[in-house]
């Protein structure tokens, strides 16, 4: 099995994690692309936020094995980094709002 091509890029994006904006720098080619034609062993994701949603400082660095992307359920980079960020937020004690806790106005 091979890594899908859509993961083989470096990308900056903004996501929302439990209604908190988070800037993400996804780097499949970390620290940079090599000319040997092989996929790197590790990729890197940096998360930055003005809130403490992902860490006490608002910054989180995460390295991952690129082989994980061979059989991943994620269909794009956004889904992958969103899942990572939500995992880190839960580690910090955040939980998504429940369906019954939303206010309705008539």
PDB file of N, CA and C in Angstrom:
ATOM      1  N   UNK A   1       0.843  -1.179   0.000  1.00  0.00           N
ATOM      2  CA  UNK A   1       0.000   0.000   0.000  1.00  0.00           C
ATOM      3  C   UNK A   1       0.892   1.247   0.000  1.00  0.00           C
ATOM      4  N   UNK A   2       0.470   2.262  -0.718  1.00  0.00           N
ATOM      5  CA  UNK A   2       1.255   3.491  -0.804  1.00  0.00           C
ATOM      6  C   UNK A   2       0.518   4.641  -0.122  1.00  0.00           C
ATOM      7  N   UNK A   3       1.262   5.668   0.197  1.00  0.00           N
ATOM      8  CA  UNK A   3       0.676   6.867   0.803  1.00  0.00           C
ATOM      9  C   UNK A   3      -0.041   7.647  -0.290  1.00  0.00           C
ATOM     10  N   UNK A   4      -1.309   8.020  -0.080  1.00  0.00           N
ATOM     11  CA  UNK A   4      -2.030   8.811  -1.088  1.00  0.00           C
ATOM     12  C   UNK A   4      -1.307  10.125  -1.383  1.00  0.00           C
ATOM     13  N   UNK A   5      -1.306  10.512  -2.643  1.00  0.00           N
ATOM     14  CA  UNK A   5      -0.584  11.704  -3.087  1.00  0.00           C
ATOM     15  C   UNK A   5      -1.048  12.983  -2.390  1.00  0.00           C
ATOM     16  N   UNK A   6      -2.334  13.055  -2.020  1.00  0.00           N
ATOM     17  CA  UNK A   6      -2.828  14.299  -1.413  1.00  0.00           C
ATOM     18  C   UNK A   6      -2.203  14.582  -0.056  1.00  0.00           C
ATOM     19  N   UNK A   7      -1.560  13.594   0.565  1.00  0.00           N
ATOM     20  CA  UNK A   7      -0.848  13.831   1.821  1.00  0.00           C
ATOM     21  C   UNK A   7       0.574  14.327   1.588  1.00  0.00           C
ATOM     22  N   UNK A   8       1.081  14.206   0.375  1.00  0.00           N
ATOM     23  CA  UNK A   8       2.485  14.508   0.080  1.00  0.00           C
ATOM     24  C   UNK A   8       2.674  15.967  -0.301  1.00  0.00           C
ATOM     25  N   UNK A   9       2.435  16.826   0.663  1.00  0.00           N
ATOM     26  CA  UNK A   9       2.620  18.257   0.446  1.00  0.00           C
ATOM     27  C   UNK A   9       2.856  18.944   1.789  1.00  0.00           C
ATOM     28  N   UNK A  10       3.310  20.160   1.727  1.00  0.00           N
ATOM     29  CA  UNK A  10       3.413  21.016   2.903  1.00  0.00           C
ATOM     30  C   UNK A  10       2.322  22.059   2.771  1.00  0.00           C
ATOM     31  N   UNK A  11       1.614  22.325   3.867  1.00  0.00           N
ATOM     32  CA  UNK A  11       0.410  23.138   3.776  1.00  0.00           C
ATOM     33  C   UNK A  11       0.180  23.888   5.077  1.00  0.00           C
ATOM     34  N   UNK A  12      -0.278  25.138   4.969  1.00  0.00           N
ATOM     35  CA  UNK A  12      -0.726  25.910   6.128  1.00  0.00           C
ATOM     36  C   UNK A  12      -2.226  26.081   6.013  1.00  0.00           C
ATOM     37  N   UNK A  13      -2.939  25.862   7.109  1.00  0.00           N
ATOM     38  CA  UNK A  13      -4.388  26.004   7.097  1.00  0.00           C
ATOM     39  C   UNK A  13      -4.889  26.414   8.461  1.00  0.00           C
ATOM     40  N   UNK A  14      -6.145  26.809   8.520  1.00  0.00           N
ATOM     41  CA  UNK A  14      -6.788  27.170   9.782  1.00  0.00           C
ATOM     42  C   UNK A  14      -7.980  26.250   9.980  1.00  0.00           C
ATOM     43  N   UNK A  15      -8.080  25.702  11.188  1.00  0.00           N
ATOM     44  CA  UNK A  15      -9.200  24.836  11.535  1.00  0.00           C
ATOM     45  C   UNK A  15      -9.862  25.378  12.793  1.00  0.00           C
ATOM     46  N   UNK A  16     -11.044  24.881  13.105  1.00  0.00           N
ATOM     47  CA  UNK A  16     -11.725  25.202  14.358  1.00  0.00           C
ATOM     48  C   UNK A  16     -11.806  23.942  15.194  1.00  0.00           C
ATOM     49  N   UNK A  17     -11.330  24.044  16.429  1.00  0.00           N
ATOM     50  CA  UNK A  17     -11.354  22.922  17.354  1.00  0.00           C
ATOM     51  C   UNK A  17     -12.266  23.306  18.503  1.00  0.00           C
ATOM     52  N   UNK A  18     -13.442  22.715  18.536  1.00  0.00           N
ATOM     53  CA  UNK A  18     -14.445  23.033  19.557  1.00  0.00           C
ATOM     54  C   UNK A  18     -14.653  24.544  19.647  1.00  0.00           C
ATOM     55  N   UNK A  19     -14.835  25.177  18.501  1.00  0.00           N
ATOM     56  CA  UNK A  19     -15.093  26.615  18.347  1.00  0.00           C
ATOM     57  C   UNK A  19     -13.898  27.510  18.676  1.00  0.00           C
ATOM     58  N   UNK A  20     -12.706  26.967  18.710  1.00  0.00           N
ATOM     59  CA  UNK A  20     -11.486  27.749  18.908  1.00  0.00           C
ATOM     60  C   UNK A  20     -10.674  27.697  17.617  1.00  0.00           C
ATOM     61  N   UNK A  21     -10.311  28.853  17.043  1.00  0.00           N
ATOM     62  CA  UNK A  21      -9.488  28.832  15.828  1.00  0.00           C
ATOM     63  C   UNK A  21      -8.063  28.368  16.133  1.00  0.00           C
ATOM     64  N   UNK A  22      -7.553  27.517  15.257  1.00  0.00           N
ATOM     65  CA  UNK A  22      -6.201  26.981  15.405  1.00  0.00           C
ATOM     66  C   UNK A  22      -5.509  27.049  14.047  1.00  0.00           C
ATOM     67  N   UNK A  23      -4.332  27.648  14.016  1.00  0.00           N
ATOM     68  CA  UNK A  23      -3.512  27.665  12.803  1.00  0.00           C
ATOM     69  C   UNK A  23      -2.650  26.412  12.785  1.00  0.00           C
ATOM     70  N   UNK A  24      -2.561  25.798  11.607  1.00  0.00           N
ATOM     71  CA  UNK A  24      -1.850  24.532  11.473  1.00  0.00           C
ATOM     72  C   UNK A  24      -0.825  24.635  10.350  1.00  0.00           C
ATOM     73  N   UNK A  25       0.367  24.142  10.622  1.00  0.00           N
ATOM     74  CA  UNK A  25       1.367  23.977   9.569  1.00  0.00           C
ATOM     75  C   UNK A  25       1.656  22.482   9.453  1.00  0.00           C
ATOM     76  N   UNK A  26       1.187  21.892   8.366  1.00  0.00           N
ATOM     77  CA  UNK A  26       1.374  20.470   8.088  1.00  0.00           C
ATOM     78  C   UNK A  26       2.557  20.331   7.141  1.00  0.00           C
ATOM     79  N   UNK A  27       3.518  19.483   7.520  1.00  0.00           N
ATOM     80  CA  UNK A  27       4.703  19.285   6.680  1.00  0.00           C
ATOM     81  C   UNK A  27       4.945  17.791   6.495  1.00  0.00           C
ATOM     82  N   UNK A  28       4.549  17.289   5.333  1.00  0.00           N
ATOM     83  CA  UNK A  28       4.895  15.911   4.984  1.00  0.00           C
ATOM     84  C   UNK A  28       6.395  15.836   4.732  1.00  0.00           C
ATOM     85  N   UNK A  29       6.914  16.839   4.043  1.00  0.00           N
ATOM     86  CA  UNK A  29       8.343  16.906   3.734  1.00  0.00           C
ATOM     87  C   UNK A  29       9.025  17.722   4.824  1.00  0.00           C
ATOM     88  N   UNK A  30       9.428  17.062   5.912  1.00  0.00           N
ATOM     89  CA  UNK A  30      10.067  17.746   7.018  1.00  0.00           C
ATOM     90  C   UNK A  30      11.487  17.222   7.164  1.00  0.00           C
ATOM     91  N   UNK A  31      12.489  18.009   7.321  1.00  0.00           N
ATOM     92  CA  UNK A  31      12.450  19.467   7.294  1.00  0.00           C
ATOM     93  C   UNK A  31      12.326  20.026   5.884  1.00  0.00           C
ATOM     94  N   UNK A  32      12.624  19.229   4.871  1.00  0.00           N
ATOM     95  CA  UNK A  32      12.473  19.659   3.486  1.00  0.00           C
ATOM     96  C   UNK A  32      12.494  18.446   2.573  1.00  0.00           C
ATOM     97  N   UNK A  33      12.033  18.630   1.353  1.00  0.00           N
ATOM     98  CA  UNK A  33      11.968  17.519   0.401  1.00  0.00           C
ATOM     99  C   UNK A  33      13.374  17.139  -0.058  1.00  0.00           C
ATOM    100  N   UNK A  34      13.637  15.838  -0.076  1.00  0.00           N
ATOM    101  CA  UNK A  34      14.922  15.329  -0.538  1.00  0.00           C
ATOM    102  C   UNK A  34      14.771  14.840  -1.974  1.00  0.00           C
ATOM    103  N   UNK A  35      15.863  14.790  -2.683  1.00  0.00           N
ATOM    104  CA  UNK A  35      15.839  14.394  -4.089  1.00  0.00           C
ATOM    105  C   UNK A  35      16.044  12.895  -4.307  1.00  0.00           C
ATOM    106  N   UNK A  36      15.988  12.090  -3.252  1.00  0.00           N
ATOM    107  CA  UNK A  36      16.243  10.663  -3.413  1.00  0.00           C
ATOM    108  C   UNK A  36      15.017   9.883  -3.897  1.00  0.00           C
ATOM    109  N   UNK A  37      13.871  10.546  -4.045  1.00  0.00           N
ATOM    110  CA  UNK A  37      12.672   9.888  -4.554  1.00  0.00           C
ATOM    111  C   UNK A  37      11.918   9.059  -3.534  1.00  0.00           C
ATOM    112  N   UNK A  38      12.391   9.013  -2.312  1.00  0.00           N
ATOM    113  CA  UNK A  38      11.730   8.228  -1.266  1.00  0.00           C
ATOM    114  C   UNK A  38      10.883   9.130  -0.380  1.00  0.00           C
ATOM    115  N   UNK A  39       9.820   8.541   0.172  1.00  0.00           N
ATOM    116  CA  UNK A  39       9.004   9.268   1.144  1.00  0.00           C
ATOM    117  C   UNK A  39       9.784   9.392   2.451  1.00  0.00           C
ATOM    118  N   UNK A  40       9.596  10.478   3.187  1.00  0.00           N
ATOM    119  CA  UNK A  40      10.285  10.631   4.469  1.00  0.00           C
ATOM    120  C   UNK A  40       9.724   9.664   5.509  1.00  0.00           C
ATOM    121  N   UNK A  41      10.501   9.381   6.538  1.00  0.00           N
ATOM    122  CA  UNK A  41      10.038   8.505   7.606  1.00  0.00           C
ATOM    123  C   UNK A  41       9.083   9.244   8.544  1.00  0.00           C
ATOM    124  N   UNK A  42       9.338  10.545   8.758  1.00  0.00           N
ATOM    125  CA  UNK A  42       8.536  11.339   9.681  1.00  0.00           C
ATOM    126  C   UNK A  42       7.968  12.560   8.979  1.00  0.00           C
ATOM    127  N   UNK A  43       6.774  12.955   9.394  1.00  0.00           N
ATOM    128  CA  UNK A  43       6.187  14.229   9.021  1.00  0.00           C
ATOM    129  C   UNK A  43       6.030  15.053  10.286  1.00  0.00           C
ATOM    130  N   UNK A  44       5.610  16.295  10.142  1.00  0.00           N
ATOM    131  CA  UNK A  44       5.516  17.176  11.296  1.00  0.00           C
ATOM    132  C   UNK A  44       4.295  18.076  11.169  1.00  0.00           C
ATOM    133  N   UNK A  45       3.620  18.297  12.291  1.00  0.00           N
ATOM    134  CA  UNK A  45       2.480  19.207  12.336  1.00  0.00           C
ATOM    135  C   UNK A  45       2.686  20.163  13.505  1.00  0.00           C
ATOM    136  N   UNK A  46       2.512  21.466  13.243  1.00  0.00           N
ATOM    137  CA  UNK A  46       2.547  22.479  14.299  1.00  0.00           C
ATOM    138  C   UNK A  46       1.167  23.091  14.425  1.00  0.00           C
ATOM    139  N   UNK A  47       0.712  23.222  15.664  1.00  0.00           N
ATOM    140  CA  UNK A  47      -0.575  23.844  15.959  1.00  0.00           C
ATOM    141  C   UNK A  47      -0.315  25.106  16.770  1.00  0.00           C
ATOM    142  N   UNK A  48      -0.994  26.209  16.399  1.00  0.00           N
ATOM    143  CA  UNK A  48      -0.878  27.470  17.146  1.00  0.00           C
ATOM    144  C   UNK A  48      -2.268  28.048  17.349  1.00  0.00           C
ATOM    145  N   UNK A  49      -2.523  28.488  18.588  1.00  0.00           N
ATOM    146  CA  UNK A  49      -3.824  29.063  18.903  1.00  0.00           C
ATOM    147  C   UNK A  49      -3.657  30.128  19.976  1.00  0.00           C
ATOM    148  N   UNK A  50      -4.552  31.119  19.961  1.00  0.00           N
ATOM    149  CA  UNK A  50      -4.554  32.134  21.017  1.00  0.00           C
ATOM    150  C   UNK A  50      -5.170  31.593  22.299  1.00  0.00           C
ATOM    151  N   UNK A  51      -5.880  30.474  22.212  1.00  0.00           N
ATOM    152  CA  UNK A  51      -6.478  29.864  23.400  1.00  0.00           C
ATOM    153  C   UNK A  51      -5.604  28.693  23.859  1.00  0.00           C
ATOM    154  N   UNK A  52      -5.967  28.102  24.972  1.00  0.00           N
ATOM    155  CA  UNK A  52      -5.239  26.955  25.514  1.00  0.00           C
ATOM    156  C   UNK A  52      -5.886  25.644  25.085  1.00  0.00           C
ATOM    157  N   UNK A  53      -6.577  25.636  23.964  1.00  0.00           N
ATOM    158  CA  UNK A  53      -7.326  24.460  23.524  1.00  0.00           C
ATOM    159  C   UNK A  53      -6.420  23.252  23.257  1.00  0.00           C
ATOM    160  N   UNK A  54      -5.228  23.469  22.739  1.00  0.00           N
ATOM    161  CA  UNK A  54      -4.366  22.344  22.383  1.00  0.00           C
ATOM    162  C   UNK A  54      -3.164  22.179  23.308  1.00  0.00           C
ATOM    163  N   UNK A  55      -2.862  23.215  24.090  1.00  0.00           N
ATOM    164  CA  UNK A  55      -1.790  23.139  25.086  1.00  0.00           C
ATOM    165  C   UNK A  55      -1.875  24.370  25.980  1.00  0.00           C
ATOM    166  N   UNK A  56      -1.158  24.336  27.086  1.00  0.00           N
ATOM    167  CA  UNK A  56      -1.173  25.469  28.012  1.00  0.00           C
ATOM    168  C   UNK A  56      -0.578  26.727  27.391  1.00  0.00           C
ATOM    169  N   UNK A  57       0.295  26.560  26.417  1.00  0.00           N
ATOM    170  CA  UNK A  57       0.947  27.707  25.782  1.00  0.00           C
ATOM    171  C   UNK A  57       0.281  28.120  24.471  1.00  0.00           C
ATOM    172  N   UNK A  58      -0.650  27.314  23.979  1.00  0.00           N
ATOM    173  CA  UNK A  58      -1.266  27.591  22.687  1.00  0.00           C
ATOM    174  C   UNK A  58      -0.457  27.063  21.513  1.00  0.00           C
ATOM    175  N   UNK A  59       0.636  26.366  21.790  1.00  0.00           N
ATOM    176  CA  UNK A  59       1.498  25.807  20.745  1.00  0.00           C
ATOM    177  C   UNK A  59       1.659  24.314  20.975  1.00  0.00           C
ATOM    178  N   UNK A  60       1.609  23.546  19.905  1.00  0.00           N
ATOM    179  CA  UNK A  60       1.823  22.101  20.016  1.00  0.00           C
ATOM    180  C   UNK A  60       2.554  21.622  18.777  1.00  0.00           C
ATOM    181  N   UNK A  61       3.614  20.885  18.973  1.00  0.00           N
ATOM    182  CA  UNK A  61       4.400  20.303  17.894  1.00  0.00           C
ATOM    183  C   UNK A  61       4.204  18.797  17.941  1.00  0.00           C
ATOM    184  N   UNK A  62       3.989  18.184  16.775  1.00  0.00           N
ATOM    185  CA  UNK A  62       3.735  16.742  16.743  1.00  0.00           C
ATOM    186  C   UNK A  62       4.413  16.117  15.526  1.00  0.00           C
ATOM    187  N   UNK A  63       5.252  15.119  15.768  1.00  0.00           N
ATOM    188  CA  UNK A  63       5.850  14.334  14.693  1.00  0.00           C
ATOM    189  C   UNK A  63       5.033  13.064  14.519  1.00  0.00           C
ATOM    190  N   UNK A  64       4.923  12.592  13.294  1.00  0.00           N
ATOM    191  CA  UNK A  64       4.185  11.356  13.038  1.00  0.00           C
ATOM    192  C   UNK A  64       4.940  10.526  12.006  1.00  0.00           C
ATOM    193  N   UNK A  65       4.760   9.199  12.100  1.00  0.00           N
ATOM    194  CA  UNK A  65       5.322   8.306  11.092  1.00  0.00           C
ATOM    195  C   UNK A  65       4.492   8.431   9.829  1.00  0.00           C
ATOM    196  N   UNK A  66       5.131   8.708   8.712  1.00  0.00           N
ATOM    197  CA  UNK A  66       4.382   8.858   7.464  1.00  0.00           C
ATOM    198  C   UNK A  66       3.752   7.540   7.022  1.00  0.00           C
ATOM    199  N   UNK A  67       4.284   6.405   7.457  1.00  0.00           N
ATOM    200  CA  UNK A  67       3.675   5.114   7.119  1.00  0.00           C
ATOM    201  C   UNK A  67       2.246   5.007   7.634  1.00  0.00           C
ATOM    202  N   UNK A  68       1.918   5.758   8.685  1.00  0.00           N
ATOM    203  CA  UNK A  68       0.547   5.760   9.209  1.00  0.00           C
ATOM    204  C   UNK A  68      -0.449   6.183   8.128  1.00  0.00           C
ATOM    205  N   UNK A  69      -0.013   7.020   7.210  1.00  0.00           N
ATOM    206  CA  UNK A  69      -0.902   7.544   6.177  1.00  0.00           C
ATOM    207  C   UNK A  69      -1.207   6.526   5.077  1.00  0.00           C
ATOM    208  N   UNK A  70      -0.532   5.379   5.096  1.00  0.00           N
ATOM    209  CA  UNK A  70      -0.781   4.359   4.065  1.00  0.00           C
ATOM    210  C   UNK A  70      -2.178   3.764   4.166  1.00  0.00           C
ATOM    211  N   UNK A  71      -2.641   3.525   5.362  1.00  0.00           N
ATOM    212  CA  UNK A  71      -3.952   2.902   5.553  1.00  0.00           C
ATOM    213  C   UNK A  71      -4.849   3.756   6.438  1.00  0.00           C
ATOM    214  N   UNK A  72      -4.712   5.038   6.327  1.00  0.00           N
ATOM    215  CA  UNK A  72      -5.475   5.953   7.170  1.00  0.00           C
ATOM    216  C   UNK A  72      -6.920   6.073   6.695  1.00  0.00           C
ATOM    217  N   UNK A  73      -7.850   6.293   7.601  1.00  0.00           N
ATOM    218  CA  UNK A  73      -9.241   6.524   7.193  1.00  0.00           C
ATOM    219  C   UNK A  73      -9.485   7.955   6.711  1.00  0.00           C
ATOM    220  N   UNK A  74      -8.503   8.844   6.876  1.00  0.00           N
ATOM    221  CA  UNK A  74      -8.695  10.253   6.537  1.00  0.00           C
ATOM    222  C   UNK A  74      -8.615  10.464   5.027  1.00  0.00           C
ATOM    223  N   UNK A  75      -9.541  11.256   4.513  1.00  0.00           N
ATOM    224  CA  UNK A  75      -9.631  11.487   3.071  1.00  0.00           C
ATOM    225  C   UNK A  75      -8.846  12.707   2.617  1.00  0.00           C
ATOM    226  N   UNK A  76      -8.356  13.499   3.571  1.00  0.00           N
ATOM    227  CA  UNK A  76      -7.568  14.675   3.214  1.00  0.00           C
ATOM    228  C   UNK A  76      -6.786  15.157   4.436  1.00  0.00           C
ATOM    229  N   UNK A  77      -5.939  16.133   4.217  1.00  0.00           N
ATOM    230  CA  UNK A  77      -5.099  16.665   5.292  1.00  0.00           C
ATOM    231  C   UNK A  77      -5.948  17.325   6.370  1.00  0.00           C
ATOM    232  N   UNK A  78      -6.999  18.035   5.973  1.00  0.00           N
ATOM    233  CA  UNK A  78      -7.859  18.703   6.955  1.00  0.00           C
ATOM    234  C   UNK A  78      -8.422  17.712   7.969  1.00  0.00           C
ATOM    235  N   UNK A  79      -8.937  16.585   7.493  1.00  0.00           N
ATOM    236  CA  UNK A  79      -9.492  15.579   8.409  1.00  0.00           C
ATOM    237  C   UNK A  79      -8.414  15.052   9.353  1.00  0.00           C
ATOM    238  N   UNK A  80      -7.231  14.815   8.830  1.00  0.00           N
ATOM    239  CA  UNK A  80      -6.128  14.284   9.630  1.00  0.00           C
ATOM    240  C   UNK A  80      -5.722  15.251  10.740  1.00  0.00           C
ATOM    241  N   UNK A  81      -5.468  16.514  10.392  1.00  0.00           N
ATOM    242  CA  UNK A  81      -5.025  17.474  11.410  1.00  0.00           C
ATOM    243  C   UNK A  81      -6.167  17.836  12.363  1.00  0.00           C
ATOM    244  N   UNK A  82      -7.407  17.809  11.891  1.00  0.00           N
ATOM    245  CA  UNK A  82      -8.563  18.060  12.758  1.00  0.00           C
ATOM    246  C   UNK A  82      -8.647  16.984  13.837  1.00  0.00           C
ATOM    247  N   UNK A  83      -8.492  15.727  13.435  1.00  0.00           N
ATOM    248  CA  UNK A  83      -8.540  14.625  14.400  1.00  0.00           C
ATOM    249  C   UNK A  83      -7.402  14.734  15.417  1.00  0.00           C
ATOM    250  N   UNK A  84      -6.203  15.079  14.960  1.00  0.00           N
ATOM    251  CA  UNK A  84      -5.082  15.268  15.888  1.00  0.00           C
ATOM    252  C   UNK A  84      -5.377  16.387  16.879  1.00  0.00           C
ATOM    253  N   UNK A  85      -5.850  17.523  16.380  1.00  0.00           N
ATOM    254  CA  UNK A  85      -6.125  18.675  17.239  1.00  0.00           C
ATOM    255  C   UNK A  85      -7.220  18.358  18.255  1.00  0.00           C
ATOM    256  N   UNK A  86      -8.268  17.662  17.841  1.00  0.00           N
ATOM    257  CA  UNK A  86      -9.332  17.294  18.781  1.00  0.00           C
ATOM    258  C   UNK A  86      -8.809  16.328  19.834  1.00  0.00           C
ATOM    259  N   UNK A  87      -7.926  15.434  19.450  1.00  0.00           N
ATOM    260  CA  UNK A  87      -7.304  14.522  20.414  1.00  0.00           C
ATOM    261  C   UNK A  87      -6.506  15.316  21.457  1.00  0.00           C
ATOM    262  N   UNK A  88      -5.710  16.289  20.998  1.00  0.00           N
ATOM    263  CA  UNK A  88      -4.929  17.107  21.925  1.00  0.00           C
ATOM    264  C   UNK A  88      -5.839  17.943  22.823  1.00  0.00           C
ATOM    265  N   UNK A  89      -6.939  18.461  22.275  1.00  0.00           N
ATOM    266  CA  UNK A  89      -7.886  19.246  23.073  1.00  0.00           C
ATOM    267  C   UNK A  89      -8.495  18.381  24.174  1.00  0.00           C
ATOM    268  N   UNK A  90      -8.836  17.153  23.851  1.00  0.00           N
ATOM    269  CA  UNK A  90      -9.394  16.243  24.865  1.00  0.00           C
ATOM    270  C   UNK A  90      -8.361  15.940  25.936  1.00  0.00           C
ATOM    271  N   UNK A  91      -7.088  15.820  25.544  1.00  0.00           N
ATOM    272  CA  UNK A  91      -6.022  15.652  26.538  1.00  0.00           C
ATOM    273  C   UNK A  91      -5.964  16.840  27.491  1.00  0.00           C
ATOM    274  N   UNK A  92      -6.326  18.021  26.994  1.00  0.00           N
ATOM    275  CA  UNK A  92      -6.328  19.238  27.812  1.00  0.00           C
ATOM    276  C   UNK A  92      -7.623  19.385  28.617  1.00  0.00           C
ATOM    277  N   UNK A  93      -8.564  18.438  28.467  1.00  0.00           N
ATOM    278  CA  UNK A  93      -9.794  18.473  29.247  1.00  0.00           C
ATOM    279  C   UNK A  93     -11.001  19.030  28.527  1.00  0.00           C
ATOM    280  N   UNK A  94     -10.868  19.416  27.266  1.00  0.00           N
ATOM    281  CA  UNK A  94     -12.002  19.941  26.506  1.00  0.00           C
ATOM    282  C   UNK A  94     -12.838  18.795  25.964  1.00  0.00           C
ATOM    283  N   UNK A  95     -14.122  19.017  25.902  1.00  0.00           N
ATOM    284  CA  UNK A  95     -15.046  18.055  25.309  1.00  0.00           C
ATOM    285  C   UNK A  95     -15.969  18.799  24.359  1.00  0.00           C
ATOM    286  N   UNK A  96     -16.368  18.156  23.276  1.00  0.00           N
ATOM    287  CA  UNK A  96     -17.312  18.819  22.368  1.00  0.00           C
ATOM    288  C   UNK A  96     -18.645  19.018  23.070  1.00  0.00           C
ATOM    289  N   UNK A  97     -19.381  20.078  22.720  1.00  0.00           N
ATOM    290  CA  UNK A  97     -20.687  20.279  23.349  1.00  0.00           C
ATOM    291  C   UNK A  97     -21.634  19.148  22.981  1.00  0.00           C
ATOM    292  N   UNK A  98     -22.434  18.720  23.944  1.00  0.00           N
ATOM    293  CA  UNK A  98     -23.421  17.676  23.693  1.00  0.00           C
ATOM    294  C   UNK A  98     -24.595  18.222  22.914  1.00  0.00           C
ATOM    295  N   UNK A  99     -25.331  17.337  22.273  1.00  0.00           N
ATOM    296  CA  UNK A  99     -26.475  17.768  21.470  1.00  0.00           C
ATOM    297  C   UNK A  99     -27.555  18.425  22.322  1.00  0.00           C
ATOM    298  N   UNK A 100     -27.741  17.976  23.539  1.00  0.00           N
ATOM    299  CA  UNK A 100     -28.787  18.517  24.395  1.00  0.00           C
ATOM    300  C   UNK A 100     -28.420  19.824  25.066  1.00  0.00           C
ATOM    301  N   UNK A 101     -27.162  20.238  24.984  1.00  0.00           N
ATOM    302  CA  UNK A 101     -26.745  21.452  25.686  1.00  0.00           C
ATOM    303  C   UNK A 101     -26.798  22.697  24.803  1.00  0.00           C
ATOM    304  N   UNK A 102     -27.280  22.575  23.603  1.00  0.00           N
ATOM    305  CA  UNK A 102     -27.364  23.729  22.720  1.00  0.00           C
ATOM    306  C   UNK A 102     -28.647  24.496  22.990  1.00  0.00           C
ATOM    307  N   UNK A 103     -28.549  25.812  22.955  1.00  0.00           N
ATOM    308  CA  UNK A 103     -29.714  26.658  23.186  1.00  0.00           C
ATOM    309  C   UNK A 103     -30.509  26.817  21.898  1.00  0.00           C
ATOM    310  N   UNK A 104     -31.809  26.893  22.041  1.00  0.00           N
ATOM    311  CA  UNK A 104     -32.671  27.153  20.886  1.00  0.00           C
ATOM    312  C   UNK A 104     -33.491  28.389  21.173  1.00  0.00           C
ATOM    313  N   UNK A 105     -33.619  29.216  20.195  1.00  0.00           N
ATOM    314  CA  UNK A 105     -34.442  30.412  20.338  1.00  0.00           C
ATOM    315  C   UNK A 105     -35.591  30.311  19.350  1.00  0.00           C
ATOM    316  N   UNK A 106     -36.778  30.656  19.825  1.00  0.00           N
ATOM    317  CA  UNK A 106     -37.966  30.584  18.955  1.00  0.00           C
ATOM    318  C   UNK A 106     -38.404  31.964  18.555  1.00  0.00           C
TER     319      UNK A 106
END
